[in-house]
Amino acid sequence: MTEWTKPKIIELLQNSDRAIGRALVRLCERQTADEQVHKTTKYQNAMGFRPCHARMGVEMAEFFRARGYLTPKQARYWRIPDKAGNMRIGVYANQLLKVIG
């Protein structure tokens, strides 16, 4: 059994498109029902997507659920580094630790 850590999650997300898809689904599940429907973030509850990622995150989570994969372009979007050099999806590593741990 793997003991998950933030660096291990980030490494997995860096190397696996499927892991990104599964992460998006889990983050989407953490959005409230009305946030999922409206593809937005309404509450500052530290659960689910940040406002800047809500629409894209929910849409790509729905795509992954329906098809079982992300396109290379979709996966690449989540790996784009922010100003600090961290992947977009990487900002959610702490939340992902909570849902898999």
N, C-alpha and C. Protein backbone atom coordinates (compact mmCIF):
# COMPACT_ATOMS: atom_id res chain seq x y z
N MET A 1 0.84 -1.19 0.00
CA MET A 1 0.00 0.00 0.00
C MET A 1 0.89 1.25 0.00
N THR A 2 0.59 2.18 -0.87
CA THR A 2 1.37 3.41 -1.00
C THR A 2 0.95 4.41 0.05
N GLU A 3 1.93 4.97 0.73
CA GLU A 3 1.63 6.08 1.63
C GLU A 3 1.78 7.35 0.81
N TRP A 4 0.66 8.03 0.61
CA TRP A 4 0.65 9.20 -0.24
C TRP A 4 1.19 10.42 0.48
N THR A 5 1.96 11.19 -0.24
CA THR A 5 2.47 12.48 0.22
C THR A 5 2.21 13.49 -0.89
N LYS A 6 2.30 14.74 -0.56
CA LYS A 6 2.10 15.77 -1.57
C LYS A 6 3.09 15.62 -2.73
N PRO A 7 4.40 15.42 -2.48
CA PRO A 7 5.32 15.23 -3.60
C PRO A 7 4.99 14.01 -4.47
N LYS A 8 4.52 12.92 -3.87
CA LYS A 8 4.15 11.74 -4.65
C LYS A 8 2.94 12.03 -5.53
N ILE A 9 1.98 12.76 -5.00
CA ILE A 9 0.79 13.12 -5.79
C ILE A 9 1.20 14.00 -6.96
N ILE A 10 2.04 14.98 -6.70
CA ILE A 10 2.48 15.88 -7.76
C ILE A 10 3.25 15.11 -8.83
N GLU A 11 4.09 14.19 -8.42
CA GLU A 11 4.83 13.37 -9.39
C GLU A 11 3.88 12.53 -10.25
N LEU A 12 2.88 11.94 -9.62
CA LEU A 12 1.90 11.16 -10.36
C LEU A 12 1.15 12.03 -11.37
N LEU A 13 0.73 13.22 -10.95
CA LEU A 13 0.01 14.12 -11.84
C LEU A 13 0.90 14.59 -12.99
N GLN A 14 2.17 14.74 -12.72
CA GLN A 14 3.13 15.17 -13.75
C GLN A 14 3.27 14.10 -14.84
N ASN A 15 3.12 12.84 -14.46
CA ASN A 15 3.43 11.74 -15.37
C ASN A 15 2.24 10.96 -15.91
N SER A 16 1.04 11.22 -15.41
CA SER A 16 -0.12 10.41 -15.81
C SER A 16 -1.33 11.28 -16.14
N ASP A 17 -1.72 11.23 -17.42
CA ASP A 17 -2.93 11.96 -17.83
C ASP A 17 -4.16 11.39 -17.13
N ARG A 18 -4.18 10.08 -16.95
CA ARG A 18 -5.31 9.44 -16.27
C ARG A 18 -5.42 9.95 -14.83
N ALA A 19 -4.29 10.13 -14.16
CA ALA A 19 -4.31 10.65 -12.78
C ALA A 19 -4.91 12.05 -12.76
N ILE A 20 -4.61 12.86 -13.75
CA ILE A 20 -5.20 14.20 -13.81
C ILE A 20 -6.71 14.08 -13.97
N GLY A 21 -7.16 13.22 -14.86
CA GLY A 21 -8.60 13.04 -15.05
C GLY A 21 -9.29 12.59 -13.78
N ARG A 22 -8.70 11.63 -13.10
CA ARG A 22 -9.29 11.15 -11.84
C ARG A 22 -9.28 12.25 -10.78
N ALA A 23 -8.22 13.04 -10.75
CA ALA A 23 -8.14 14.15 -9.79
C ALA A 23 -9.23 15.17 -10.06
N LEU A 24 -9.46 15.48 -11.33
CA LEU A 24 -10.50 16.44 -11.68
C LEU A 24 -11.87 15.95 -11.23
N VAL A 25 -12.13 14.66 -11.40
CA VAL A 25 -13.41 14.10 -10.96
C VAL A 25 -13.54 14.24 -9.45
N ARG A 26 -12.51 13.90 -8.71
CA ARG A 26 -12.57 14.01 -7.25
C ARG A 26 -12.75 15.46 -6.80
N LEU A 27 -12.07 16.39 -7.46
CA LEU A 27 -12.22 17.80 -7.11
C LEU A 27 -13.63 18.28 -7.44
N CYS A 28 -14.15 17.84 -8.56
CA CYS A 28 -15.52 18.20 -8.94
C CYS A 28 -16.52 17.70 -7.91
N GLU A 29 -16.29 16.49 -7.42
CA GLU A 29 -17.17 15.92 -6.39
C GLU A 29 -17.15 16.75 -5.11
N ARG A 30 -16.06 17.46 -4.88
CA ARG A 30 -15.95 18.30 -3.68
C ARG A 30 -16.65 19.65 -3.85
N GLN A 31 -16.99 20.01 -5.09
CA GLN A 31 -17.77 21.22 -5.32
C GLN A 31 -19.19 20.95 -4.79
N THR A 32 -19.87 21.98 -4.36
CA THR A 32 -21.27 21.80 -3.97
C THR A 32 -22.10 21.52 -5.22
N ALA A 33 -23.29 20.99 -5.03
CA ALA A 33 -24.14 20.64 -6.17
C ALA A 33 -24.42 21.85 -7.05
N ASP A 34 -24.72 22.99 -6.43
CA ASP A 34 -25.01 24.17 -7.26
C ASP A 34 -23.77 24.69 -7.96
N GLU A 35 -22.60 24.53 -7.36
CA GLU A 35 -21.36 24.92 -8.04
C GLU A 35 -21.12 24.02 -9.26
N GLN A 36 -21.41 22.74 -9.12
CA GLN A 36 -21.24 21.82 -10.24
C GLN A 36 -22.18 22.18 -11.39
N VAL A 37 -23.43 22.46 -11.07
CA VAL A 37 -24.42 22.80 -12.09
C VAL A 37 -24.03 24.07 -12.83
N HIS A 38 -23.60 25.08 -12.09
CA HIS A 38 -23.28 26.38 -12.69
C HIS A 38 -21.83 26.49 -13.13
N LYS A 39 -21.04 25.44 -12.87
CA LYS A 39 -19.63 25.39 -13.25
C LYS A 39 -18.87 26.63 -12.76
N THR A 40 -19.06 26.87 -11.47
CA THR A 40 -18.46 28.04 -10.85
C THR A 40 -18.11 27.70 -9.40
N THR A 41 -17.48 28.63 -8.74
CA THR A 41 -17.21 28.51 -7.32
C THR A 41 -17.95 29.64 -6.62
N LYS A 42 -18.86 29.28 -5.72
CA LYS A 42 -19.68 30.27 -5.03
C LYS A 42 -19.27 30.45 -3.58
N TYR A 43 -18.64 29.42 -3.01
CA TYR A 43 -18.36 29.43 -1.58
C TYR A 43 -16.86 29.30 -1.34
N GLN A 44 -16.37 30.04 -0.38
CA GLN A 44 -14.96 29.94 -0.01
C GLN A 44 -14.84 28.90 1.11
N ASN A 45 -14.89 27.62 0.69
CA ASN A 45 -14.87 26.53 1.67
C ASN A 45 -13.65 25.62 1.51
N ALA A 46 -12.70 26.04 0.68
CA ALA A 46 -11.47 25.28 0.44
C ALA A 46 -11.74 23.86 -0.06
N MET A 47 -12.85 23.72 -0.79
CA MET A 47 -13.20 22.42 -1.35
C MET A 47 -13.50 22.58 -2.83
N GLY A 48 -12.92 21.72 -3.63
CA GLY A 48 -13.16 21.79 -5.07
C GLY A 48 -12.23 22.78 -5.74
N PHE A 49 -12.70 23.31 -6.85
CA PHE A 49 -11.87 24.17 -7.69
C PHE A 49 -11.83 25.61 -7.22
N ARG A 50 -10.74 26.25 -7.54
CA ARG A 50 -10.64 27.70 -7.35
C ARG A 50 -11.54 28.35 -8.40
N PRO A 51 -11.98 29.59 -8.17
CA PRO A 51 -12.85 30.25 -9.15
C PRO A 51 -12.27 30.28 -10.57
N CYS A 52 -10.98 30.50 -10.69
CA CYS A 52 -10.36 30.59 -12.02
C CYS A 52 -10.31 29.26 -12.75
N HIS A 53 -10.52 28.16 -12.05
CA HIS A 53 -10.47 26.83 -12.67
C HIS A 53 -11.82 26.12 -12.69
N ALA A 54 -12.84 26.71 -12.10
CA ALA A 54 -14.10 26.00 -11.90
C ALA A 54 -14.74 25.53 -13.21
N ARG A 55 -14.94 26.43 -14.15
CA ARG A 55 -15.62 26.04 -15.40
C ARG A 55 -14.82 24.96 -16.13
N MET A 56 -13.53 25.21 -16.33
CA MET A 56 -12.70 24.26 -17.05
C MET A 56 -12.61 22.94 -16.29
N GLY A 57 -12.48 23.01 -14.97
CA GLY A 57 -12.36 21.81 -14.17
C GLY A 57 -13.60 20.93 -14.23
N VAL A 58 -14.77 21.55 -14.09
CA VAL A 58 -16.02 20.78 -14.14
C VAL A 58 -16.22 20.19 -15.53
N GLU A 59 -15.97 21.00 -16.57
CA GLU A 59 -16.16 20.50 -17.94
C GLU A 59 -15.22 19.33 -18.25
N MET A 60 -13.96 19.44 -17.83
CA MET A 60 -13.02 18.35 -18.11
C MET A 60 -13.30 17.13 -17.24
N ALA A 61 -13.80 17.34 -16.03
CA ALA A 61 -14.19 16.20 -15.19
C ALA A 61 -15.35 15.45 -15.85
N GLU A 62 -16.31 16.18 -16.37
CA GLU A 62 -17.45 15.57 -17.07
C GLU A 62 -16.96 14.82 -18.32
N PHE A 63 -16.03 15.41 -19.05
CA PHE A 63 -15.46 14.76 -20.23
C PHE A 63 -14.79 13.45 -19.84
N PHE A 64 -13.98 13.49 -18.78
CA PHE A 64 -13.28 12.29 -18.33
C PHE A 64 -14.26 11.22 -17.87
N ARG A 65 -15.29 11.61 -17.14
CA ARG A 65 -16.30 10.64 -16.69
C ARG A 65 -16.96 9.94 -17.87
N ALA A 66 -17.27 10.72 -18.90
CA ALA A 66 -18.00 10.18 -20.06
C ALA A 66 -17.12 9.31 -20.95
N ARG A 67 -15.84 9.67 -21.07
CA ARG A 67 -14.99 9.00 -22.05
C ARG A 67 -13.87 8.15 -21.45
N GLY A 68 -13.51 8.43 -20.20
CA GLY A 68 -12.45 7.65 -19.56
C GLY A 68 -11.04 8.10 -19.88
N TYR A 69 -10.90 9.24 -20.52
CA TYR A 69 -9.58 9.78 -20.83
C TYR A 69 -9.67 11.30 -20.99
N LEU A 70 -8.53 11.95 -20.94
CA LEU A 70 -8.39 13.36 -21.30
C LEU A 70 -7.58 13.41 -22.59
N THR A 71 -7.81 14.40 -23.41
CA THR A 71 -6.98 14.57 -24.60
C THR A 71 -5.62 15.09 -24.15
N PRO A 72 -4.59 14.94 -24.97
CA PRO A 72 -3.29 15.50 -24.60
C PRO A 72 -3.35 17.01 -24.33
N LYS A 73 -4.16 17.72 -25.10
CA LYS A 73 -4.30 19.17 -24.89
C LYS A 73 -4.93 19.48 -23.52
N GLN A 74 -5.93 18.70 -23.14
CA GLN A 74 -6.57 18.90 -21.83
C GLN A 74 -5.58 18.64 -20.70
N ALA A 75 -4.85 17.55 -20.77
CA ALA A 75 -3.87 17.24 -19.73
C ALA A 75 -2.79 18.31 -19.68
N ARG A 76 -2.35 18.76 -20.83
CA ARG A 76 -1.31 19.80 -20.90
C ARG A 76 -1.78 21.09 -20.20
N TYR A 77 -3.06 21.43 -20.35
CA TYR A 77 -3.61 22.62 -19.70
C TYR A 77 -3.34 22.59 -18.19
N TRP A 78 -3.56 21.44 -17.56
CA TRP A 78 -3.41 21.32 -16.11
C TRP A 78 -1.95 21.26 -15.68
N ARG A 79 -1.05 21.01 -16.61
CA ARG A 79 0.38 20.95 -16.27
C ARG A 79 1.09 22.28 -16.50
N ILE A 80 0.40 23.25 -17.05
CA ILE A 80 1.02 24.56 -17.28
C ILE A 80 1.43 25.14 -15.92
N PRO A 81 2.68 25.61 -15.82
CA PRO A 81 3.13 26.15 -14.53
C PRO A 81 2.56 27.53 -14.24
N ASP A 82 2.32 27.78 -12.95
CA ASP A 82 1.90 29.11 -12.51
C ASP A 82 3.14 29.99 -12.33
N LYS A 83 2.95 31.17 -11.78
CA LYS A 83 4.07 32.10 -11.59
C LYS A 83 5.17 31.53 -10.71
N ALA A 84 4.80 30.65 -9.80
CA ALA A 84 5.78 30.04 -8.89
C ALA A 84 6.42 28.80 -9.50
N GLY A 85 5.98 28.40 -10.70
CA GLY A 85 6.55 27.24 -11.36
C GLY A 85 5.85 25.93 -11.05
N ASN A 86 4.71 26.00 -10.35
CA ASN A 86 3.95 24.79 -9.99
C ASN A 86 2.84 24.54 -11.01
N MET A 87 2.57 23.28 -11.29
CA MET A 87 1.49 22.94 -12.22
C MET A 87 0.16 23.46 -11.69
N ARG A 88 -0.73 23.82 -12.61
CA ARG A 88 -2.08 24.25 -12.20
C ARG A 88 -2.73 23.21 -11.30
N ILE A 89 -2.68 21.96 -11.71
CA ILE A 89 -3.32 20.90 -10.93
C ILE A 89 -2.63 20.71 -9.59
N GLY A 90 -1.38 21.09 -9.50
CA GLY A 90 -0.61 20.92 -8.28
C GLY A 90 -1.15 21.71 -7.09
N VAL A 91 -1.86 22.79 -7.36
CA VAL A 91 -2.41 23.58 -6.25
C VAL A 91 -3.46 22.81 -5.47
N TYR A 92 -3.94 21.71 -6.04
CA TYR A 92 -4.97 20.91 -5.39
C TYR A 92 -4.41 19.68 -4.68
N ALA A 93 -3.10 19.56 -4.60
CA ALA A 93 -2.49 18.36 -4.01
C ALA A 93 -2.95 18.13 -2.57
N ASN A 94 -3.08 19.17 -1.78
CA ASN A 94 -3.52 18.98 -0.38
C ASN A 94 -4.95 18.43 -0.32
N GLN A 95 -5.83 18.94 -1.18
CA GLN A 95 -7.20 18.39 -1.22
C GLN A 95 -7.18 16.93 -1.65
N LEU A 96 -6.35 16.63 -2.63
CA LEU A 96 -6.28 15.26 -3.13
C LEU A 96 -5.75 14.32 -2.06
N LEU A 97 -4.83 14.80 -1.24
CA LEU A 97 -4.35 14.00 -0.10
C LEU A 97 -5.51 13.62 0.81
N LYS A 98 -6.41 14.55 1.02
CA LYS A 98 -7.55 14.29 1.92
C LYS A 98 -8.51 13.24 1.36
N VAL A 99 -8.69 13.24 0.04
CA VAL A 99 -9.67 12.31 -0.52
C VAL A 99 -9.10 10.92 -0.79
N ILE A 100 -7.77 10.78 -0.86
CA ILE A 100 -7.21 9.46 -1.07
C ILE A 100 -6.61 8.87 0.20
N GLY A 101 -6.37 9.73 1.20
CA GLY A 101 -5.75 9.26 2.43
C GLY A 101 -6.70 8.77 3.46
